[in-house]
Amino acid sequence: MWAIGAAAAIAVLLVPGATAAAASVELGAGTSITATFDHVNIPYGEVVWFSAVVQHRGNYYNDHLHFINQTITFVEPNGTTFSVKVPDGIVYFSETANTTSTVYYASNYTWYTTVPANYSGEIFLSGLAFYVRAGGLTGGTQVTWAGDFLVSEPCMDYQWKFTAAVYTEFSHNFSALGVTSIDSTHGWSHSSTSDHAGTPENYSTDLSQGAMSTQTSNRCGSTSTSYYWSCTARVYKCESSSGSCGGYS
């Protein structure tokens, strides 16, 4: 893994319209969050929708945040362990945007979300649809989402967390999900609902129970521990007593 504070240069930045100047980024840190699914067994054929959100602290204009090298690792109660790769996530804080948008680029396996630069709420960062395998997924499974952050602003404070909810129907085409970019109670949202950032609006009627959602009205699921990177303190810290975190300090 990279060490905190190490400089990193990216020759080609996966941001539409990025300039050469924007291709030099500061390395954030390696991070992981672990949560435990509820007791409900998830049958074969259903889909677990994982979504991560990020919230920054401060004002950033035309800056971007990348979440790369992501994996979700499952540890079932019987000890069965496996991991899946998660698409990269990019958030762009645009000085000129007056609304939000989320686009999935299948060609480079990347989510790209644009928000107004002065938006300070939760923002969709990345998501994955996991199709439950034969034999189902046992209730009480432990899941760990891990990855690395890269930021264009040398000192950006941010926190992230994730959720997981179960759907009976879903799409392999992530562009067809209608993922909500930000919490929809904010005026900049492109959604007319009151759902949270990361909600797959086009499949909201297919919500089931299990994973981190015990109520069929919670389309994202309960959130994990929040994990906060303090630039000034150069340290990660958990901000909740539930779940656990890992990273570098």
C-alpha atoms as a PDB file:
ATOM      1  CA  MET A   1       0.000   0.000   0.000  1.00  0.00           C
ATOM      2  CA  TRP A   2       1.043   3.618  -0.410  1.00  0.00           C
ATOM      3  CA  ALA A   3       2.051   5.661   2.606  1.00  0.00           C
ATOM      4  CA  ILE A   4       0.070   8.685   3.728  1.00  0.00           C
ATOM      5  CA  GLY A   5       1.269  11.945   2.267  1.00  0.00           C
ATOM      6  CA  ALA A   6       3.171  10.365  -0.616  1.00  0.00           C
ATOM      7  CA  ALA A   7       2.806  12.276  -3.869  1.00  0.00           C
ATOM      8  CA  ALA A   8       1.285  10.520  -6.835  1.00  0.00           C
ATOM      9  CA  ALA A   9       1.123  11.617 -10.469  1.00  0.00           C
ATOM     10  CA  ILE A  10      -1.471  10.262 -12.885  1.00  0.00           C
ATOM     11  CA  ALA A  11      -0.630  10.652 -16.543  1.00  0.00           C
ATOM     12  CA  VAL A  12      -4.225  10.427 -17.752  1.00  0.00           C
ATOM     13  CA  LEU A  13      -6.963  11.373 -15.332  1.00  0.00           C
ATOM     14  CA  LEU A  14     -10.269   9.611 -15.889  1.00  0.00           C
ATOM     15  CA  VAL A  15     -12.340  12.781 -15.658  1.00  0.00           C
ATOM     16  CA  PRO A  16     -14.114  14.010 -18.800  1.00  0.00           C
ATOM     17  CA  GLY A  17     -12.515  17.263 -19.905  1.00  0.00           C
ATOM     18  CA  ALA A  18      -9.635  17.053 -17.417  1.00  0.00           C
ATOM     19  CA  THR A  19      -6.647  19.251 -18.145  1.00  0.00           C
ATOM     20  CA  ALA A  20      -3.005  18.335 -17.768  1.00  0.00           C
ATOM     21  CA  ALA A  21      -2.808  20.478 -14.624  1.00  0.00           C
ATOM     22  CA  ALA A  22      -5.561  18.435 -13.027  1.00  0.00           C
ATOM     23  CA  ALA A  23      -3.616  15.240 -13.510  1.00  0.00           C
ATOM     24  CA  SER A  24      -1.323  15.835 -10.532  1.00  0.00           C
ATOM     25  CA  VAL A  25      -2.991  14.571  -7.384  1.00  0.00           C
ATOM     26  CA  GLU A  26      -2.138  14.103  -3.739  1.00  0.00           C
ATOM     27  CA  LEU A  27      -2.454  10.616  -2.295  1.00  0.00           C
ATOM     28  CA  GLY A  28      -5.016  10.327   0.457  1.00  0.00           C
ATOM     29  CA  ALA A  29      -4.695   6.973   2.224  1.00  0.00           C
ATOM     30  CA  GLY A  30      -5.668   3.328   2.241  1.00  0.00           C
ATOM     31  CA  THR A  31      -8.939   2.738   4.086  1.00  0.00           C
ATOM     32  CA  SER A  32     -11.451   0.025   4.921  1.00  0.00           C
ATOM     33  CA  ILE A  33     -14.758  -0.258   6.752  1.00  0.00           C
ATOM     34  CA  THR A  34     -16.305  -3.479   8.059  1.00  0.00           C
ATOM     35  CA  ALA A  35     -19.997  -4.050   8.756  1.00  0.00           C
ATOM     36  CA  THR A  36     -22.167  -7.095   9.481  1.00  0.00           C
ATOM     37  CA  PHE A  37     -25.335  -8.002   7.592  1.00  0.00           C
ATOM     38  CA  ASP A  38     -28.493  -8.678   9.571  1.00  0.00           C
ATOM     39  CA  HIS A  39     -29.804 -12.183  10.259  1.00  0.00           C
ATOM     40  CA  VAL A  40     -31.913 -12.482   7.085  1.00  0.00           C
ATOM     41  CA  ASN A  41     -30.618 -15.057   4.584  1.00  0.00           C
ATOM     42  CA  ILE A  42     -30.478 -13.704   1.022  1.00  0.00           C
ATOM     43  CA  PRO A  43     -31.589 -16.254  -1.598  1.00  0.00           C
ATOM     44  CA  TYR A  44     -29.922 -17.087  -4.888  1.00  0.00           C
ATOM     45  CA  GLY A  45     -30.884 -14.718  -7.695  1.00  0.00           C
ATOM     46  CA  GLU A  46     -31.457 -11.637  -5.566  1.00  0.00           C
ATOM     47  CA  VAL A  47     -29.083  -8.676  -5.759  1.00  0.00           C
ATOM     48  CA  VAL A  48     -27.230  -6.798  -3.041  1.00  0.00           C
ATOM     49  CA  TRP A  49     -26.739  -3.159  -4.048  1.00  0.00           C
ATOM     50  CA  PHE A  50     -23.687  -1.678  -2.313  1.00  0.00           C
ATOM     51  CA  SER A  51     -23.298   2.097  -2.397  1.00  0.00           C
ATOM     52  CA  ALA A  52     -20.615   4.296  -0.859  1.00  0.00           C
ATOM     53  CA  VAL A  53     -21.061   7.988  -0.103  1.00  0.00           C
ATOM     54  CA  VAL A  54     -18.535  10.687   0.726  1.00  0.00           C
ATOM     55  CA  GLN A  55     -18.849  14.045   2.442  1.00  0.00           C
ATOM     56  CA  HIS A  56     -16.112  16.669   2.362  1.00  0.00           C
ATOM     57  CA  ARG A  57     -15.361  19.349   4.919  1.00  0.00           C
ATOM     58  CA  GLY A  58     -14.385  22.716   3.526  1.00  0.00           C
ATOM     59  CA  ASN A  59     -14.725  24.491   0.180  1.00  0.00           C
ATOM     60  CA  TYR A  60     -13.149  22.980  -2.932  1.00  0.00           C
ATOM     61  CA  TYR A  61     -13.520  24.532  -6.372  1.00  0.00           C
ATOM     62  CA  ASN A  62     -12.946  22.443  -9.509  1.00  0.00           C
ATOM     63  CA  ASP A  63     -11.263  19.770  -7.397  1.00  0.00           C
ATOM     64  CA  HIS A  64     -11.840  16.049  -7.610  1.00  0.00           C
ATOM     65  CA  LEU A  65     -11.691  13.022  -5.339  1.00  0.00           C
ATOM     66  CA  HIS A  66     -10.955   9.492  -6.571  1.00  0.00           C
ATOM     67  CA  PHE A  67     -11.701   6.177  -4.829  1.00  0.00           C
ATOM     68  CA  ILE A  68      -9.657   3.428  -6.525  1.00  0.00           C
ATOM     69  CA  ASN A  69      -8.417  -0.139  -5.996  1.00  0.00           C
ATOM     70  CA  GLN A  70     -11.714  -0.986  -4.348  1.00  0.00           C
ATOM     71  CA  THR A  71     -12.795  -4.429  -3.170  1.00  0.00           C
ATOM     72  CA  ILE A  72     -15.618  -5.824  -1.065  1.00  0.00           C
ATOM     73  CA  THR A  73     -14.691  -8.932   0.916  1.00  0.00           C
ATOM     74  CA  PHE A  74     -17.379 -11.266   2.278  1.00  0.00           C
ATOM     75  CA  VAL A  75     -16.835 -13.529   5.285  1.00  0.00           C
ATOM     76  CA  GLU A  76     -19.826 -15.807   5.896  1.00  0.00           C
ATOM     77  CA  PRO A  77     -20.512 -17.273   9.369  1.00  0.00           C
ATOM     78  CA  ASN A  78     -19.249 -20.699   8.178  1.00  0.00           C
ATOM     79  CA  GLY A  79     -15.883 -19.153   7.265  1.00  0.00           C
ATOM     80  CA  THR A  80     -16.425 -18.974   3.501  1.00  0.00           C
ATOM     81  CA  THR A  81     -14.514 -15.931   2.218  1.00  0.00           C
ATOM     82  CA  PHE A  82     -14.470 -14.267  -1.185  1.00  0.00           C
ATOM     83  CA  SER A  83     -13.869 -10.810  -2.654  1.00  0.00           C
ATOM     84  CA  VAL A  84     -15.289  -8.817  -5.565  1.00  0.00           C
ATOM     85  CA  LYS A  85     -13.878  -5.802  -7.385  1.00  0.00           C
ATOM     86  CA  VAL A  86     -15.746  -2.482  -7.216  1.00  0.00           C
ATOM     87  CA  PRO A  87     -15.770   0.221  -9.931  1.00  0.00           C
ATOM     88  CA  ASP A  88     -13.621   3.305  -9.379  1.00  0.00           C
ATOM     89  CA  GLY A  89     -15.437   6.395  -8.171  1.00  0.00           C
ATOM     90  CA  ILE A  90     -14.734  10.046  -9.037  1.00  0.00           C
ATOM     91  CA  VAL A  91     -16.431  13.083  -7.505  1.00  0.00           C
ATOM     92  CA  TYR A  92     -15.905  16.444  -9.209  1.00  0.00           C
ATOM     93  CA  PHE A  93     -16.642  19.663  -7.306  1.00  0.00           C
ATOM     94  CA  SER A  94     -17.601  22.001 -10.142  1.00  0.00           C
ATOM     95  CA  GLU A  95     -17.517  25.779  -9.741  1.00  0.00           C
ATOM     96  CA  THR A  96     -20.018  26.192 -12.585  1.00  0.00           C
ATOM     97  CA  ALA A  97     -22.478  23.323 -11.992  1.00  0.00           C
ATOM     98  CA  ASN A  98     -25.912  24.261 -10.689  1.00  0.00           C
ATOM     99  CA  THR A  99     -27.227  20.705 -10.449  1.00  0.00           C
ATOM    100  CA  THR A 100     -25.847  17.227  -9.820  1.00  0.00           C
ATOM    101  CA  SER A 101     -25.270  14.252 -12.098  1.00  0.00           C
ATOM    102  CA  THR A 102     -23.964  10.694 -11.903  1.00  0.00           C
ATOM    103  CA  VAL A 103     -22.713   8.834 -14.979  1.00  0.00           C
ATOM    104  CA  TYR A 104     -21.317   5.310 -15.215  1.00  0.00           C
ATOM    105  CA  TYR A 105     -18.524   4.733 -17.764  1.00  0.00           C
ATOM    106  CA  ALA A 106     -18.464   1.010 -18.530  1.00  0.00           C
ATOM    107  CA  SER A 107     -15.372   1.384 -20.730  1.00  0.00           C
ATOM    108  CA  ASN A 108     -13.167   2.198 -17.745  1.00  0.00           C
ATOM    109  CA  TYR A 109     -15.315   0.751 -14.946  1.00  0.00           C
ATOM    110  CA  THR A 110     -15.820   4.140 -13.309  1.00  0.00           C
ATOM    111  CA  TRP A 111     -18.614   6.115 -11.648  1.00  0.00           C
ATOM    112  CA  TYR A 112     -18.370   9.885 -12.219  1.00  0.00           C
ATOM    113  CA  THR A 113     -20.441  12.284 -10.100  1.00  0.00           C
ATOM    114  CA  THR A 114     -20.516  16.059 -10.495  1.00  0.00           C
ATOM    115  CA  VAL A 115     -21.766  18.351  -7.720  1.00  0.00           C
ATOM    116  CA  PRO A 116     -21.705  22.132  -7.228  1.00  0.00           C
ATOM    117  CA  ALA A 117     -18.491  23.169  -5.502  1.00  0.00           C
ATOM    118  CA  ASN A 118     -20.255  24.552  -2.446  1.00  0.00           C
ATOM    119  CA  TYR A 119     -22.425  21.479  -1.820  1.00  0.00           C
ATOM    120  CA  SER A 120     -21.556  20.045   1.595  1.00  0.00           C
ATOM    121  CA  GLY A 121     -23.875  17.049   2.023  1.00  0.00           C
ATOM    122  CA  GLU A 122     -23.411  13.355   1.235  1.00  0.00           C
ATOM    123  CA  ILE A 123     -22.420  12.455  -2.333  1.00  0.00           C
ATOM    124  CA  PHE A 124     -22.615   9.128  -4.154  1.00  0.00           C
ATOM    125  CA  LEU A 125     -19.079   7.809  -4.598  1.00  0.00           C
ATOM    126  CA  SER A 126     -19.242   4.273  -5.978  1.00  0.00           C
ATOM    127  CA  GLY A 127     -21.583   1.321  -6.203  1.00  0.00           C
ATOM    128  CA  LEU A 128     -21.714  -2.371  -7.033  1.00  0.00           C
ATOM    129  CA  ALA A 129     -24.520  -4.822  -7.730  1.00  0.00           C
ATOM    130  CA  PHE A 130     -23.629  -8.238  -6.291  1.00  0.00           C
ATOM    131  CA  TYR A 131     -25.731 -11.076  -7.711  1.00  0.00           C
ATOM    132  CA  VAL A 132     -26.169 -13.695  -4.993  1.00  0.00           C
ATOM    133  CA  ARG A 133     -24.646 -17.007  -5.993  1.00  0.00           C
ATOM    134  CA  ALA A 134     -26.104 -20.505  -5.842  1.00  0.00           C
ATOM    135  CA  GLY A 135     -26.701 -21.508  -2.235  1.00  0.00           C
ATOM    136  CA  GLY A 136     -27.579 -17.966  -1.195  1.00  0.00           C
ATOM    137  CA  LEU A 137     -25.833 -15.606   1.198  1.00  0.00           C
ATOM    138  CA  THR A 138     -26.097 -16.360   4.891  1.00  0.00           C
ATOM    139  CA  GLY A 139     -27.451 -13.784   7.309  1.00  0.00           C
ATOM    140  CA  GLY A 140     -24.772 -12.383   9.594  1.00  0.00           C
ATOM    141  CA  THR A 141     -22.179 -12.244   6.800  1.00  0.00           C
ATOM    142  CA  GLN A 142     -19.384  -9.759   7.501  1.00  0.00           C
ATOM    143  CA  VAL A 143     -18.424  -7.415   4.662  1.00  0.00           C
ATOM    144  CA  THR A 144     -15.368  -5.168   4.348  1.00  0.00           C
ATOM    145  CA  TRP A 145     -15.177  -2.407   1.747  1.00  0.00           C
ATOM    146  CA  ALA A 146     -11.601  -1.271   1.098  1.00  0.00           C
ATOM    147  CA  GLY A 147      -9.856   1.098  -1.295  1.00  0.00           C
ATOM    148  CA  ASP A 148      -7.482   4.040  -1.778  1.00  0.00           C
ATOM    149  CA  PHE A 149      -8.294   7.727  -2.026  1.00  0.00           C
ATOM    150  CA  LEU A 150      -6.624  10.234  -4.338  1.00  0.00           C
ATOM    151  CA  VAL A 151      -7.454  13.935  -4.122  1.00  0.00           C
ATOM    152  CA  SER A 152      -6.522  16.926  -6.269  1.00  0.00           C
ATOM    153  CA  GLU A 153      -6.521  19.318  -3.321  1.00  0.00           C
ATOM    154  CA  PRO A 154      -3.341  18.733  -1.217  1.00  0.00           C
ATOM    155  CA  CYS A 155      -5.354  19.048   1.997  1.00  0.00           C
ATOM    156  CA  MET A 156      -8.934  17.800   1.741  1.00  0.00           C
ATOM    157  CA  ASP A 157     -10.856  16.566   4.782  1.00  0.00           C
ATOM    158  CA  TYR A 158     -13.515  13.973   3.989  1.00  0.00           C
ATOM    159  CA  GLN A 159     -15.478  11.098   5.455  1.00  0.00           C
ATOM    160  CA  TRP A 160     -17.018   8.081   3.775  1.00  0.00           C
ATOM    161  CA  LYS A 161     -19.333   5.196   4.634  1.00  0.00           C
ATOM    162  CA  PHE A 162     -21.374   2.564   2.819  1.00  0.00           C
ATOM    163  CA  THR A 163     -24.749   0.874   2.761  1.00  0.00           C
ATOM    164  CA  ALA A 164     -26.182  -2.332   1.313  1.00  0.00           C
ATOM    165  CA  ALA A 165     -29.750  -3.256   0.401  1.00  0.00           C
ATOM    166  CA  VAL A 166     -31.354  -6.251  -1.329  1.00  0.00           C
ATOM    167  CA  TYR A 167     -33.371  -6.159  -4.570  1.00  0.00           C
ATOM    168  CA  THR A 168     -35.411  -8.887  -6.250  1.00  0.00           C
ATOM    169  CA  GLU A 169     -34.903  -7.352  -9.712  1.00  0.00           C
ATOM    170  CA  PHE A 170     -31.975  -5.297 -10.973  1.00  0.00           C
ATOM    171  CA  SER A 171     -29.984  -4.412 -14.063  1.00  0.00           C
ATOM    172  CA  HIS A 172     -26.493  -5.421 -15.167  1.00  0.00           C
ATOM    173  CA  ASN A 173     -26.398  -2.067 -16.948  1.00  0.00           C
ATOM    174  CA  PHE A 174     -25.390   0.389 -14.224  1.00  0.00           C
ATOM    175  CA  SER A 175     -26.355   3.306 -16.469  1.00  0.00           C
ATOM    176  CA  ALA A 176     -29.970   2.129 -16.251  1.00  0.00           C
ATOM    177  CA  LEU A 177     -30.193   2.250 -12.449  1.00  0.00           C
ATOM    178  CA  GLY A 178     -30.965   5.953 -12.048  1.00  0.00           C
ATOM    179  CA  VAL A 179     -28.597   6.345  -9.091  1.00  0.00           C
ATOM    180  CA  THR A 180     -29.263   9.416  -6.948  1.00  0.00           C
ATOM    181  CA  SER A 181     -26.177  11.666  -6.776  1.00  0.00           C
ATOM    182  CA  ILE A 182     -26.904  13.360  -3.443  1.00  0.00           C
ATOM    183  CA  ASP A 183     -29.470  13.205  -0.678  1.00  0.00           C
ATOM    184  CA  SER A 184     -32.612  14.233  -2.510  1.00  0.00           C
ATOM    185  CA  THR A 185     -33.825  16.626   0.180  1.00  0.00           C
ATOM    186  CA  HIS A 186     -31.242  19.110  -1.132  1.00  0.00           C
ATOM    187  CA  GLY A 187     -32.270  21.541  -3.861  1.00  0.00           C
ATOM    188  CA  TRP A 188     -29.475  20.570  -6.252  1.00  0.00           C
ATOM    189  CA  SER A 189     -30.624  16.978  -6.600  1.00  0.00           C
ATOM    190  CA  HIS A 190     -31.759  15.695  -9.992  1.00  0.00           C
ATOM    191  CA  SER A 191     -34.243  13.389  -8.208  1.00  0.00           C
ATOM    192  CA  SER A 192     -37.791  14.325  -7.196  1.00  0.00           C
ATOM    193  CA  THR A 193     -37.847  11.821  -4.308  1.00  0.00           C
ATOM    194  CA  SER A 194     -36.615  12.112  -0.730  1.00  0.00           C
ATOM    195  CA  ASP A 195     -34.182   9.185  -1.058  1.00  0.00           C
ATOM    196  CA  HIS A 196     -30.564   9.104   0.032  1.00  0.00           C
ATOM    197  CA  ALA A 197     -27.505   9.433  -2.196  1.00  0.00           C
ATOM    198  CA  GLY A 198     -26.792   6.118  -3.923  1.00  0.00           C
ATOM    199  CA  THR A 199     -30.415   5.017  -4.281  1.00  0.00           C
ATOM    200  CA  PRO A 200     -31.111   3.101  -7.542  1.00  0.00           C
ATOM    201  CA  GLU A 201     -34.346   4.963  -8.251  1.00  0.00           C
ATOM    202  CA  ASN A 202     -35.369   2.935 -11.302  1.00  0.00           C
ATOM    203  CA  TYR A 203     -35.558  -0.244  -9.197  1.00  0.00           C
ATOM    204  CA  SER A 204     -36.900   1.193  -5.937  1.00  0.00           C
ATOM    205  CA  THR A 205     -40.120  -0.845  -6.172  1.00  0.00           C
ATOM    206  CA  ASP A 206     -38.088  -4.083  -6.216  1.00  0.00           C
ATOM    207  CA  LEU A 207     -36.595  -3.570  -2.754  1.00  0.00           C
ATOM    208  CA  SER A 208     -36.526  -6.635  -0.493  1.00  0.00           C
ATOM    209  CA  GLN A 209     -35.203  -7.295   3.027  1.00  0.00           C
ATOM    210  CA  GLY A 210     -31.723  -8.307   4.121  1.00  0.00           C
ATOM    211  CA  ALA A 211     -28.099  -7.103   4.081  1.00  0.00           C
ATOM    212  CA  MET A 212     -28.131  -3.764   5.952  1.00  0.00           C
ATOM    213  CA  SER A 213     -31.819  -3.015   5.401  1.00  0.00           C
ATOM    214  CA  THR A 214     -34.559  -4.499   7.592  1.00  0.00           C
ATOM    215  CA  GLN A 215     -37.251  -2.112   6.411  1.00  0.00           C
ATOM    216  CA  THR A 216     -38.570  -2.265   2.884  1.00  0.00           C
ATOM    217  CA  SER A 217     -38.829   1.542   2.829  1.00  0.00           C
ATOM    218  CA  ASN A 218     -35.058   1.958   3.254  1.00  0.00           C
ATOM    219  CA  ARG A 219     -33.856   1.762  -0.336  1.00  0.00           C
ATOM    220  CA  CYS A 220     -30.137   2.021   0.504  1.00  0.00           C
ATOM    221  CA  GLY A 221     -29.940   0.288   3.873  1.00  0.00           C
ATOM    222  CA  SER A 222     -28.551   1.405   7.210  1.00  0.00           C
ATOM    223  CA  THR A 223     -25.134   3.024   6.972  1.00  0.00           C
ATOM    224  CA  SER A 224     -21.866   1.618   8.200  1.00  0.00           C
ATOM    225  CA  THR A 225     -19.406   3.360  10.447  1.00  0.00           C
ATOM    226  CA  SER A 226     -18.221   6.700   9.054  1.00  0.00           C
ATOM    227  CA  TYR A 227     -14.503   6.951   8.403  1.00  0.00           C
ATOM    228  CA  TYR A 228     -12.981  10.419   8.515  1.00  0.00           C
ATOM    229  CA  TRP A 229      -9.668  11.511   7.039  1.00  0.00           C
ATOM    230  CA  SER A 230      -8.255  14.579   8.790  1.00  0.00           C
ATOM    231  CA  CYS A 231      -5.704  16.293   6.585  1.00  0.00           C
ATOM    232  CA  THR A 232      -4.300  18.485   9.347  1.00  0.00           C
ATOM    233  CA  ALA A 233      -3.961  15.616  11.816  1.00  0.00           C
ATOM    234  CA  ARG A 234      -2.834  13.193   9.060  1.00  0.00           C
ATOM    235  CA  VAL A 235      -4.924  10.422  10.575  1.00  0.00           C
ATOM    236  CA  TYR A 236      -8.038   8.389   9.913  1.00  0.00           C
ATOM    237  CA  LYS A 237     -10.543   7.889  12.697  1.00  0.00           C
ATOM    238  CA  CYS A 238     -13.858   6.114  13.171  1.00  0.00           C
ATOM    239  CA  GLU A 239     -16.806   8.348  13.956  1.00  0.00           C
ATOM    240  CA  SER A 240     -19.227   5.695  15.151  1.00  0.00           C
ATOM    241  CA  SER A 241     -19.223   2.887  17.710  1.00  0.00           C
ATOM    242  CA  SER A 242     -20.776   0.435  15.219  1.00  0.00           C
ATOM    243  CA  GLY A 243     -18.646  -1.517  12.766  1.00  0.00           C
ATOM    244  CA  SER A 244     -14.892  -1.128  12.487  1.00  0.00           C
ATOM    245  CA  CYS A 245     -12.323   0.729  10.415  1.00  0.00           C
ATOM    246  CA  GLY A 246      -8.840   0.145   9.075  1.00  0.00           C
ATOM    247  CA  GLY A 247      -6.242   2.364   7.476  1.00  0.00           C
ATOM    248  CA  TYR A 248      -2.968   4.134   8.017  1.00  0.00           C
ATOM    249  CA  SER A 249      -2.057   6.661  10.679  1.00  0.00           C
END
